[in-house]
Amino acid sequence: MIEDREKADFRSNYLGIVFQENNLVSTLTVRENIVLFQELCGFDGEEEEREKKIDGLLKRLKIDNRKDSFPAQLSGGEKKRVAIARALSNNPHILILDEPTGNLDRESADMLCDLINEIFTTTDITIIVASHDQKMKEIASTIYKIGSQAVVLEEDHPERRKKDDIKYRAIGSLEMQ
C-alpha cells in the first residue's frame, strides 16, 4: 500500500495539474501564486533561480506583463495561463489539464490549444487533457472516450507524436459521454 506521504511526494515531484477552475489565491499576485505552489512542492533552489523560472514561464505563456497583477484583474484566458505556469513551475513529467478551454471564448481557447501544443512539441512533458473541445482533439495524438462503463481508445494519430521520442508520449484528449 502506498502511504499518503508517498502519494503527495509523487504529485509534487512528477505531476502538474490544471483544474477546470483555476484555483488561484485571490489575495496573491500572479508571481506569488506561483511561488506559493513552488513552496508547497518543496522548492529548494536559489531565489535567483526561482525568479528566472517564473519569468521564463510567464514570458512563454505571454503573460509576463501580468506578473504583479491579482487574479481579479485578469481575463479568463490569462487566469488559465497562470494556472498552467503554476503547474509547470515544478518541472513536472506529466501535465494534466481538466477542460482547459471550457470557460474561454473561442479566440482564447484556440490560443490556449496552440500553447499546449507548443509545450508538447518543445518539451519532454507528457500531456493529458480532459476536454470536449474539437480543436484539442485535432492536436491530440491519442483520444480516449470515457463512458459509464469503460475507457475506450477512439482515435490514434501516431503522426502527431514527436518522431524522436523513444517513449510513448501523447496529448491525450479524454471525451466524456
N, C-alpha and C. Protein backbone atom coordinates (compact mmCIF):
# COMPACT_ATOMS: atom_id res chain seq x y z
N MET A 1 0.83 -1.18 0.00
CA MET A 1 0.00 0.00 0.00
C MET A 1 0.88 1.25 0.00
N ILE A 2 0.56 2.18 -0.84
CA ILE A 2 1.33 3.42 -0.92
C ILE A 2 0.83 4.37 0.18
N GLU A 3 1.76 4.89 0.94
CA GLU A 3 1.43 5.81 2.03
C GLU A 3 1.02 7.17 1.47
N ASP A 4 0.23 7.91 2.24
CA ASP A 4 -0.23 9.24 1.83
C ASP A 4 0.94 10.16 1.52
N ARG A 5 1.99 10.09 2.32
CA ARG A 5 3.17 10.95 2.11
C ARG A 5 3.83 10.66 0.76
N GLU A 6 3.90 9.36 0.42
CA GLU A 6 4.48 8.97 -0.87
C GLU A 6 3.63 9.47 -2.03
N LYS A 7 2.32 9.40 -1.88
CA LYS A 7 1.42 9.92 -2.91
C LYS A 7 1.61 11.42 -3.09
N ALA A 8 1.69 12.13 -1.98
CA ALA A 8 1.89 13.59 -2.03
C ALA A 8 3.23 13.93 -2.68
N ASP A 9 4.26 13.19 -2.33
CA ASP A 9 5.58 13.42 -2.94
C ASP A 9 5.54 13.17 -4.44
N PHE A 10 4.85 12.12 -4.85
CA PHE A 10 4.72 11.82 -6.28
C PHE A 10 4.02 12.97 -7.00
N ARG A 11 2.90 13.42 -6.45
CA ARG A 11 2.16 14.54 -7.07
C ARG A 11 3.04 15.77 -7.16
N SER A 12 3.76 16.08 -6.10
CA SER A 12 4.61 17.28 -6.07
C SER A 12 5.77 17.19 -7.04
N ASN A 13 6.34 16.02 -7.19
CA ASN A 13 7.56 15.87 -7.97
C ASN A 13 7.35 15.47 -9.42
N TYR A 14 6.20 14.90 -9.75
CA TYR A 14 6.02 14.37 -11.10
C TYR A 14 4.83 14.94 -11.86
N LEU A 15 3.85 15.48 -11.15
CA LEU A 15 2.63 15.94 -11.81
C LEU A 15 2.48 17.45 -11.75
N GLY A 16 1.97 18.01 -12.83
CA GLY A 16 1.49 19.39 -12.85
C GLY A 16 0.01 19.29 -13.19
N ILE A 17 -0.84 19.86 -12.36
CA ILE A 17 -2.28 19.71 -12.56
C ILE A 17 -2.92 21.08 -12.73
N VAL A 18 -3.74 21.20 -13.80
CA VAL A 18 -4.51 22.42 -14.04
C VAL A 18 -5.98 22.03 -13.96
N PHE A 19 -6.64 22.52 -12.93
CA PHE A 19 -8.03 22.18 -12.70
C PHE A 19 -8.95 23.02 -13.59
N GLN A 20 -10.19 22.56 -13.73
CA GLN A 20 -11.16 23.30 -14.53
C GLN A 20 -11.34 24.71 -13.97
N GLU A 21 -11.48 24.81 -12.68
CA GLU A 21 -11.44 26.12 -12.02
C GLU A 21 -9.97 26.39 -11.74
N ASN A 22 -9.53 27.59 -11.95
CA ASN A 22 -8.09 27.87 -11.89
C ASN A 22 -7.49 27.80 -10.50
N ASN A 23 -8.33 27.96 -9.47
CA ASN A 23 -7.88 27.85 -8.08
C ASN A 23 -6.71 28.76 -7.75
N LEU A 24 -6.75 29.99 -8.23
CA LEU A 24 -5.74 30.97 -7.87
C LEU A 24 -6.15 31.63 -6.56
N VAL A 25 -5.17 31.95 -5.73
CA VAL A 25 -5.45 32.63 -4.46
C VAL A 25 -5.68 34.10 -4.78
N SER A 26 -6.88 34.58 -4.49
CA SER A 26 -7.28 35.93 -4.92
C SER A 26 -6.47 37.05 -4.28
N THR A 27 -5.90 36.81 -3.12
CA THR A 27 -5.15 37.87 -2.43
C THR A 27 -3.65 37.86 -2.77
N LEU A 28 -3.26 36.97 -3.68
CA LEU A 28 -1.86 36.89 -4.10
C LEU A 28 -1.73 37.31 -5.56
N THR A 29 -0.60 37.90 -5.90
CA THR A 29 -0.33 38.26 -7.30
C THR A 29 -0.04 36.99 -8.10
N VAL A 30 0.05 37.15 -9.41
CA VAL A 30 0.40 36.04 -10.28
C VAL A 30 1.70 35.39 -9.80
N ARG A 31 2.73 36.20 -9.60
CA ARG A 31 4.02 35.70 -9.14
C ARG A 31 3.88 34.98 -7.80
N GLU A 32 3.17 35.59 -6.86
CA GLU A 32 3.02 35.00 -5.53
C GLU A 32 2.25 33.67 -5.57
N ASN A 33 1.28 33.54 -6.48
CA ASN A 33 0.57 32.27 -6.65
C ASN A 33 1.53 31.17 -7.07
N ILE A 34 2.44 31.50 -7.97
CA ILE A 34 3.41 30.51 -8.44
C ILE A 34 4.41 30.17 -7.34
N VAL A 35 4.89 31.19 -6.63
CA VAL A 35 5.84 30.97 -5.53
C VAL A 35 5.21 30.08 -4.45
N LEU A 36 3.96 30.34 -4.10
CA LEU A 36 3.28 29.53 -3.09
C LEU A 36 3.26 28.06 -3.52
N PHE A 37 2.90 27.82 -4.77
CA PHE A 37 2.88 26.44 -5.28
C PHE A 37 4.26 25.80 -5.20
N GLN A 38 5.28 26.55 -5.60
CA GLN A 38 6.65 26.01 -5.53
C GLN A 38 7.03 25.66 -4.10
N GLU A 39 6.67 26.52 -3.18
CA GLU A 39 6.98 26.25 -1.76
C GLU A 39 6.27 24.99 -1.28
N LEU A 40 5.00 24.84 -1.66
CA LEU A 40 4.25 23.65 -1.26
C LEU A 40 4.84 22.38 -1.86
N CYS A 41 5.48 22.51 -3.02
CA CYS A 41 6.12 21.36 -3.68
C CYS A 41 7.54 21.13 -3.19
N GLY A 42 8.02 21.99 -2.28
CA GLY A 42 9.35 21.79 -1.71
C GLY A 42 10.48 22.39 -2.52
N PHE A 43 10.23 23.50 -3.20
CA PHE A 43 11.29 24.16 -3.98
C PHE A 43 12.48 24.45 -3.08
N ASP A 44 13.67 24.03 -3.52
CA ASP A 44 14.85 24.24 -2.68
C ASP A 44 15.98 24.96 -3.42
N GLY A 45 15.64 25.65 -4.50
CA GLY A 45 16.65 26.38 -5.26
C GLY A 45 16.89 27.77 -4.71
N GLU A 46 17.77 28.48 -5.38
CA GLU A 46 18.09 29.86 -5.02
C GLU A 46 16.98 30.79 -5.53
N GLU A 47 16.84 31.93 -4.87
CA GLU A 47 15.81 32.91 -5.26
C GLU A 47 16.01 33.37 -6.71
N GLU A 48 17.24 33.55 -7.12
CA GLU A 48 17.53 33.97 -8.49
C GLU A 48 17.05 32.91 -9.50
N GLU A 49 17.24 31.65 -9.15
CA GLU A 49 16.78 30.54 -9.99
C GLU A 49 15.25 30.55 -10.08
N ARG A 50 14.60 30.80 -8.94
CA ARG A 50 13.14 30.85 -8.91
C ARG A 50 12.63 31.97 -9.82
N GLU A 51 13.20 33.16 -9.69
CA GLU A 51 12.76 34.30 -10.50
C GLU A 51 12.95 34.05 -11.98
N LYS A 52 14.07 33.45 -12.33
CA LYS A 52 14.36 33.14 -13.73
C LYS A 52 13.32 32.16 -14.26
N LYS A 53 12.99 31.14 -13.47
CA LYS A 53 11.99 30.14 -13.87
C LYS A 53 10.62 30.79 -14.06
N ILE A 54 10.20 31.59 -13.09
CA ILE A 54 8.89 32.25 -13.18
C ILE A 54 8.85 33.19 -14.37
N ASP A 55 9.87 34.02 -14.53
CA ASP A 55 9.90 34.96 -15.65
C ASP A 55 9.85 34.22 -16.99
N GLY A 56 10.58 33.12 -17.09
CA GLY A 56 10.59 32.34 -18.33
C GLY A 56 9.23 31.74 -18.65
N LEU A 57 8.57 31.20 -17.63
CA LEU A 57 7.23 30.62 -17.84
C LEU A 57 6.22 31.68 -18.24
N LEU A 58 6.23 32.80 -17.53
CA LEU A 58 5.27 33.86 -17.83
C LEU A 58 5.49 34.43 -19.23
N LYS A 59 6.75 34.54 -19.63
CA LYS A 59 7.05 35.04 -20.98
C LYS A 59 6.57 34.03 -22.02
N ARG A 60 6.87 32.76 -21.80
CA ARG A 60 6.47 31.71 -22.75
C ARG A 60 4.95 31.67 -22.92
N LEU A 61 4.23 31.91 -21.82
CA LEU A 61 2.77 31.86 -21.85
C LEU A 61 2.15 33.23 -22.15
N LYS A 62 3.00 34.19 -22.49
CA LYS A 62 2.57 35.52 -22.93
C LYS A 62 1.77 36.29 -21.88
N ILE A 63 2.21 36.16 -20.62
CA ILE A 63 1.58 36.91 -19.53
C ILE A 63 2.63 37.54 -18.63
N ASP A 64 3.83 37.75 -19.17
CA ASP A 64 4.91 38.32 -18.36
C ASP A 64 4.59 39.74 -17.90
N ASN A 65 3.72 40.43 -18.61
CA ASN A 65 3.32 41.78 -18.20
C ASN A 65 2.28 41.76 -17.07
N ARG A 66 1.85 40.59 -16.63
CA ARG A 66 0.81 40.46 -15.60
C ARG A 66 1.36 39.90 -14.29
N LYS A 67 2.67 39.83 -14.16
CA LYS A 67 3.32 39.20 -13.01
C LYS A 67 2.87 39.78 -11.66
N ASP A 68 2.62 41.08 -11.61
CA ASP A 68 2.24 41.73 -10.36
C ASP A 68 0.74 41.98 -10.25
N SER A 69 -0.04 41.38 -11.15
CA SER A 69 -1.50 41.55 -11.13
C SER A 69 -2.14 40.51 -10.21
N PHE A 70 -3.30 40.86 -9.71
CA PHE A 70 -4.10 39.94 -8.90
C PHE A 70 -5.09 39.21 -9.81
N PRO A 71 -5.54 38.02 -9.44
CA PRO A 71 -6.46 37.26 -10.28
C PRO A 71 -7.69 38.04 -10.75
N ALA A 72 -8.24 38.89 -9.92
CA ALA A 72 -9.43 39.66 -10.31
C ALA A 72 -9.15 40.62 -11.46
N GLN A 73 -7.89 40.93 -11.70
CA GLN A 73 -7.50 41.85 -12.77
C GLN A 73 -7.22 41.12 -14.09
N LEU A 74 -7.35 39.81 -14.10
CA LEU A 74 -7.00 39.00 -15.27
C LEU A 74 -8.24 38.53 -16.02
N SER A 75 -8.09 38.32 -17.32
CA SER A 75 -9.16 37.71 -18.11
C SER A 75 -9.18 36.20 -17.82
N GLY A 76 -10.21 35.52 -18.30
CA GLY A 76 -10.30 34.07 -18.10
C GLY A 76 -9.12 33.34 -18.73
N GLY A 77 -8.72 33.76 -19.93
CA GLY A 77 -7.59 33.14 -20.60
C GLY A 77 -6.28 33.37 -19.86
N GLU A 78 -6.12 34.58 -19.32
CA GLU A 78 -4.91 34.88 -18.55
C GLU A 78 -4.86 34.04 -17.27
N LYS A 79 -6.00 33.89 -16.60
CA LYS A 79 -6.04 33.07 -15.39
C LYS A 79 -5.65 31.62 -15.71
N LYS A 80 -6.14 31.11 -16.83
CA LYS A 80 -5.82 29.74 -17.22
C LYS A 80 -4.33 29.60 -17.49
N ARG A 81 -3.73 30.60 -18.13
CA ARG A 81 -2.29 30.54 -18.41
C ARG A 81 -1.47 30.65 -17.13
N VAL A 82 -1.96 31.42 -16.15
CA VAL A 82 -1.28 31.46 -14.84
C VAL A 82 -1.34 30.08 -14.19
N ALA A 83 -2.50 29.43 -14.27
CA ALA A 83 -2.64 28.09 -13.70
C ALA A 83 -1.69 27.10 -14.38
N ILE A 84 -1.51 27.25 -15.69
CA ILE A 84 -0.57 26.39 -16.42
C ILE A 84 0.86 26.70 -15.99
N ALA A 85 1.20 27.98 -15.89
CA ALA A 85 2.54 28.37 -15.44
C ALA A 85 2.82 27.79 -14.05
N ARG A 86 1.84 27.89 -13.18
CA ARG A 86 1.99 27.35 -11.82
C ARG A 86 2.24 25.84 -11.89
N ALA A 87 1.46 25.14 -12.71
CA ALA A 87 1.62 23.69 -12.82
C ALA A 87 2.97 23.30 -13.42
N LEU A 88 3.50 24.13 -14.30
CA LEU A 88 4.79 23.84 -14.93
C LEU A 88 5.98 24.24 -14.06
N SER A 89 5.73 25.03 -13.04
CA SER A 89 6.83 25.61 -12.25
C SER A 89 7.61 24.58 -11.43
N ASN A 90 7.07 23.39 -11.25
CA ASN A 90 7.81 22.35 -10.52
C ASN A 90 8.42 21.32 -11.47
N ASN A 91 8.52 21.68 -12.76
CA ASN A 91 9.13 20.80 -13.77
C ASN A 91 8.50 19.41 -13.79
N PRO A 92 7.19 19.32 -14.02
CA PRO A 92 6.54 18.01 -13.97
C PRO A 92 6.92 17.12 -15.15
N HIS A 93 6.77 15.83 -14.96
CA HIS A 93 6.93 14.87 -16.05
C HIS A 93 5.62 14.74 -16.82
N ILE A 94 4.52 14.93 -16.09
CA ILE A 94 3.19 14.79 -16.68
C ILE A 94 2.38 16.04 -16.33
N LEU A 95 1.75 16.64 -17.35
CA LEU A 95 0.86 17.78 -17.15
C LEU A 95 -0.56 17.31 -17.42
N ILE A 96 -1.43 17.47 -16.43
CA ILE A 96 -2.83 17.05 -16.54
C ILE A 96 -3.70 18.29 -16.54
N LEU A 97 -4.54 18.42 -17.57
CA LEU A 97 -5.41 19.59 -17.69
C LEU A 97 -6.86 19.13 -17.77
N ASP A 98 -7.71 19.67 -16.92
CA ASP A 98 -9.13 19.34 -16.90
C ASP A 98 -9.91 20.46 -17.58
N GLU A 99 -10.47 20.17 -18.75
CA GLU A 99 -11.27 21.14 -19.51
C GLU A 99 -10.59 22.52 -19.57
N PRO A 100 -9.37 22.60 -20.08
CA PRO A 100 -8.64 23.87 -20.06
C PRO A 100 -9.30 24.99 -20.87
N THR A 101 -10.10 24.63 -21.87
CA THR A 101 -10.73 25.65 -22.71
C THR A 101 -12.22 25.83 -22.39
N GLY A 102 -12.69 25.11 -21.39
CA GLY A 102 -14.12 25.04 -21.09
C GLY A 102 -14.85 26.35 -20.91
N ASN A 103 -14.25 27.31 -20.21
CA ASN A 103 -14.96 28.56 -19.95
C ASN A 103 -14.29 29.75 -20.64
N LEU A 104 -13.65 29.48 -21.80
CA LEU A 104 -12.99 30.54 -22.54
C LEU A 104 -13.73 30.83 -23.84
N ASP A 105 -13.60 32.06 -24.33
CA ASP A 105 -14.14 32.36 -25.65
C ASP A 105 -13.30 31.63 -26.69
N ARG A 106 -13.80 31.51 -27.91
CA ARG A 106 -13.14 30.72 -28.95
C ARG A 106 -11.72 31.19 -29.23
N GLU A 107 -11.51 32.50 -29.31
CA GLU A 107 -10.18 33.03 -29.60
C GLU A 107 -9.18 32.64 -28.50
N SER A 108 -9.59 32.82 -27.25
CA SER A 108 -8.71 32.45 -26.12
C SER A 108 -8.49 30.94 -26.09
N ALA A 109 -9.54 30.17 -26.38
CA ALA A 109 -9.43 28.71 -26.39
C ALA A 109 -8.45 28.25 -27.47
N ASP A 110 -8.54 28.85 -28.66
CA ASP A 110 -7.63 28.48 -29.74
C ASP A 110 -6.19 28.81 -29.37
N MET A 111 -5.98 29.98 -28.76
CA MET A 111 -4.64 30.37 -28.35
C MET A 111 -4.09 29.39 -27.31
N LEU A 112 -4.95 28.99 -26.37
CA LEU A 112 -4.53 28.05 -25.33
C LEU A 112 -4.20 26.68 -25.93
N CYS A 113 -4.99 26.22 -26.88
CA CYS A 113 -4.69 24.95 -27.56
C CYS A 113 -3.32 25.03 -28.24
N ASP A 114 -3.05 26.15 -28.89
CA ASP A 114 -1.75 26.33 -29.55
C ASP A 114 -0.61 26.31 -28.53
N LEU A 115 -0.82 26.95 -27.36
CA LEU A 115 0.20 26.95 -26.31
C LEU A 115 0.44 25.54 -25.77
N ILE A 116 -0.63 24.80 -25.55
CA ILE A 116 -0.50 23.43 -25.05
C ILE A 116 0.26 22.58 -26.07
N ASN A 117 -0.08 22.75 -27.34
CA ASN A 117 0.62 22.01 -28.40
C ASN A 117 2.10 22.39 -28.45
N GLU A 118 2.40 23.67 -28.26
CA GLU A 118 3.79 24.12 -28.25
C GLU A 118 4.55 23.49 -27.08
N ILE A 119 3.93 23.45 -25.91
CA ILE A 119 4.57 22.82 -24.75
C ILE A 119 4.86 21.35 -25.06
N PHE A 120 3.89 20.69 -25.68
CA PHE A 120 4.06 19.28 -26.04
C PHE A 120 5.22 19.08 -27.01
N THR A 121 5.29 19.91 -28.03
CA THR A 121 6.28 19.70 -29.09
C THR A 121 7.68 20.18 -28.71
N THR A 122 7.80 21.00 -27.68
CA THR A 122 9.12 21.55 -27.34
C THR A 122 9.67 21.07 -26.00
N THR A 123 8.96 20.19 -25.32
CA THR A 123 9.43 19.67 -24.04
C THR A 123 9.29 18.15 -24.01
N ASP A 124 9.76 17.55 -22.94
CA ASP A 124 9.59 16.11 -22.74
C ASP A 124 8.42 15.80 -21.82
N ILE A 125 7.52 16.75 -21.66
CA ILE A 125 6.38 16.58 -20.76
C ILE A 125 5.28 15.81 -21.48
N THR A 126 4.75 14.80 -20.82
CA THR A 126 3.57 14.10 -21.30
C THR A 126 2.36 14.92 -20.89
N ILE A 127 1.43 15.11 -21.80
CA ILE A 127 0.27 15.95 -21.52
C ILE A 127 -1.00 15.11 -21.66
N ILE A 128 -1.83 15.18 -20.63
CA ILE A 128 -3.13 14.50 -20.63
C ILE A 128 -4.19 15.58 -20.45
N VAL A 129 -5.16 15.59 -21.37
CA VAL A 129 -6.20 16.62 -21.35
C VAL A 129 -7.57 15.96 -21.33
N ALA A 130 -8.43 16.39 -20.42
CA ALA A 130 -9.84 16.00 -20.46
C ALA A 130 -10.57 17.18 -21.09
N SER A 131 -11.19 16.94 -22.25
CA SER A 131 -11.76 18.07 -22.98
C SER A 131 -12.88 17.63 -23.92
N HIS A 132 -13.79 18.55 -24.18
CA HIS A 132 -14.81 18.38 -25.21
C HIS A 132 -14.47 19.24 -26.43
N ASP A 133 -13.37 19.98 -26.37
CA ASP A 133 -13.00 20.95 -27.40
C ASP A 133 -12.52 20.24 -28.67
N GLN A 134 -13.15 20.55 -29.79
CA GLN A 134 -12.79 19.93 -31.06
C GLN A 134 -11.35 20.24 -31.46
N LYS A 135 -10.89 21.47 -31.22
CA LYS A 135 -9.51 21.81 -31.58
C LYS A 135 -8.52 20.98 -30.77
N MET A 136 -8.84 20.73 -29.52
CA MET A 136 -7.96 19.89 -28.70
C MET A 136 -7.87 18.50 -29.31
N LYS A 137 -8.99 17.99 -29.81
CA LYS A 137 -8.99 16.69 -30.47
C LYS A 137 -8.13 16.71 -31.73
N GLU A 138 -8.10 17.85 -32.41
CA GLU A 138 -7.34 17.96 -33.66
C GLU A 138 -5.83 17.93 -33.44
N ILE A 139 -5.37 18.28 -32.24
CA ILE A 139 -3.93 18.25 -31.98
C ILE A 139 -3.51 17.04 -31.16
N ALA A 140 -4.47 16.31 -30.62
CA ALA A 140 -4.16 15.15 -29.77
C ALA A 140 -3.64 14.00 -30.62
N SER A 141 -2.68 13.28 -30.08
CA SER A 141 -2.18 12.10 -30.79
C SER A 141 -2.97 10.84 -30.42
N THR A 142 -3.58 10.85 -29.27
CA THR A 142 -4.38 9.71 -28.84
C THR A 142 -5.64 10.24 -28.16
N ILE A 143 -6.78 9.69 -28.55
CA ILE A 143 -8.05 10.15 -27.98
C ILE A 143 -8.79 8.95 -27.40
N TYR A 144 -9.17 9.10 -26.15
CA TYR A 144 -9.95 8.08 -25.46
C TYR A 144 -11.33 8.64 -25.18
N LYS A 145 -12.32 7.79 -25.24
CA LYS A 145 -13.68 8.19 -24.88
C LYS A 145 -14.01 7.51 -23.55
N ILE A 146 -14.51 8.31 -22.62
CA ILE A 146 -14.89 7.79 -21.32
C ILE A 146 -16.40 7.65 -21.27
N GLY A 147 -16.85 6.43 -21.10
CA GLY A 147 -18.27 6.16 -20.97
C GLY A 147 -18.60 5.78 -19.54
N SER A 148 -19.81 5.34 -19.32
CA SER A 148 -20.21 4.99 -17.96
C SER A 148 -19.56 3.69 -17.49
N GLN A 149 -19.15 2.84 -18.42
CA GLN A 149 -18.61 1.54 -18.05
C GLN A 149 -17.15 1.32 -18.42
N ALA A 150 -16.60 2.17 -19.32
CA ALA A 150 -15.25 1.87 -19.79
C ALA A 150 -14.57 3.09 -20.40
N VAL A 151 -13.25 2.99 -20.49
CA VAL A 151 -12.44 3.95 -21.23
C VAL A 151 -12.01 3.23 -22.50
N VAL A 152 -12.34 3.82 -23.65
CA VAL A 152 -12.12 3.15 -24.93
C VAL A 152 -11.26 4.02 -25.83
N LEU A 153 -10.27 3.41 -26.48
CA LEU A 153 -9.46 4.12 -27.46
C LEU A 153 -10.37 4.49 -28.63
N GLU A 154 -10.47 5.79 -28.91
CA GLU A 154 -11.33 6.25 -30.00
C GLU A 154 -10.53 6.55 -31.26
N GLU A 155 -9.40 7.25 -31.11
CA GLU A 155 -8.56 7.59 -32.26
C GLU A 155 -7.09 7.54 -31.84
N ASP A 156 -6.25 7.13 -32.76
CA ASP A 156 -4.81 7.13 -32.52
C ASP A 156 -4.14 7.76 -33.73
N HIS A 157 -3.31 8.77 -33.49
CA HIS A 157 -2.64 9.51 -34.55
C HIS A 157 -1.14 9.54 -34.28
N PRO A 158 -0.43 8.44 -34.56
CA PRO A 158 1.00 8.40 -34.26
C PRO A 158 1.79 9.48 -34.99
N GLU A 159 1.29 9.95 -36.11
CA GLU A 159 1.99 11.00 -36.86
C GLU A 159 2.04 12.32 -36.10
N ARG A 160 1.21 12.49 -35.11
CA ARG A 160 1.21 13.72 -34.30
C ARG A 160 2.20 13.65 -33.15
N ARG A 161 2.78 12.49 -32.93
CA ARG A 161 3.77 12.34 -31.87
C ARG A 161 5.12 12.84 -32.36
N LYS A 162 5.96 13.21 -31.43
CA LYS A 162 7.31 13.62 -31.80
C LYS A 162 8.06 12.41 -32.35
N LYS A 163 8.68 12.60 -33.48
CA LYS A 163 9.34 11.50 -34.18
C LYS A 163 10.53 10.93 -33.41
N ASP A 164 11.22 11.75 -32.65
CA ASP A 164 12.44 11.30 -31.99
C ASP A 164 12.20 10.75 -30.59
N ASP A 165 10.94 10.63 -30.19
CA ASP A 165 10.67 10.10 -28.85
C ASP A 165 10.96 8.61 -28.78
N ILE A 166 11.62 8.21 -27.71
CA ILE A 166 11.85 6.79 -27.51
C ILE A 166 10.78 6.18 -26.61
N LYS A 167 10.03 7.03 -25.95
CA LYS A 167 8.93 6.53 -25.12
C LYS A 167 7.63 7.05 -25.72
N TYR A 168 6.56 6.40 -25.39
CA TYR A 168 5.25 6.80 -25.88
C TYR A 168 4.80 8.05 -25.16
N ARG A 169 4.54 9.11 -25.91
CA ARG A 169 4.06 10.36 -25.33
C ARG A 169 2.90 10.84 -26.16
N ALA A 170 1.97 11.46 -25.53
CA ALA A 170 0.81 11.93 -26.29
C ALA A 170 0.11 13.04 -25.57
N ILE A 171 -0.49 13.91 -26.36
CA ILE A 171 -1.51 14.77 -25.79
C ILE A 171 -2.74 13.88 -25.83
N GLY A 172 -3.20 13.45 -24.70
CA GLY A 172 -4.36 12.58 -24.66
C GLY A 172 -5.59 13.41 -24.39
N SER A 173 -6.57 13.27 -25.22
CA SER A 173 -7.81 14.00 -25.03
C SER A 173 -8.87 13.01 -24.59
N LEU A 174 -9.46 13.26 -23.46
CA LEU A 174 -10.50 12.38 -22.94
C LEU A 174 -11.84 13.04 -23.17
N GLU A 175 -12.69 12.38 -23.92
CA GLU A 175 -14.01 12.93 -24.18
C GLU A 175 -15.02 12.18 -23.33
N MET A 176 -15.74 12.93 -22.51
CA MET A 176 -16.72 12.33 -21.62
C MET A 176 -18.05 12.17 -22.36
N GLN A 177 -18.73 11.08 -22.09
CA GLN A 177 -20.07 10.91 -22.66
C GLN A 177 -21.10 11.50 -21.74
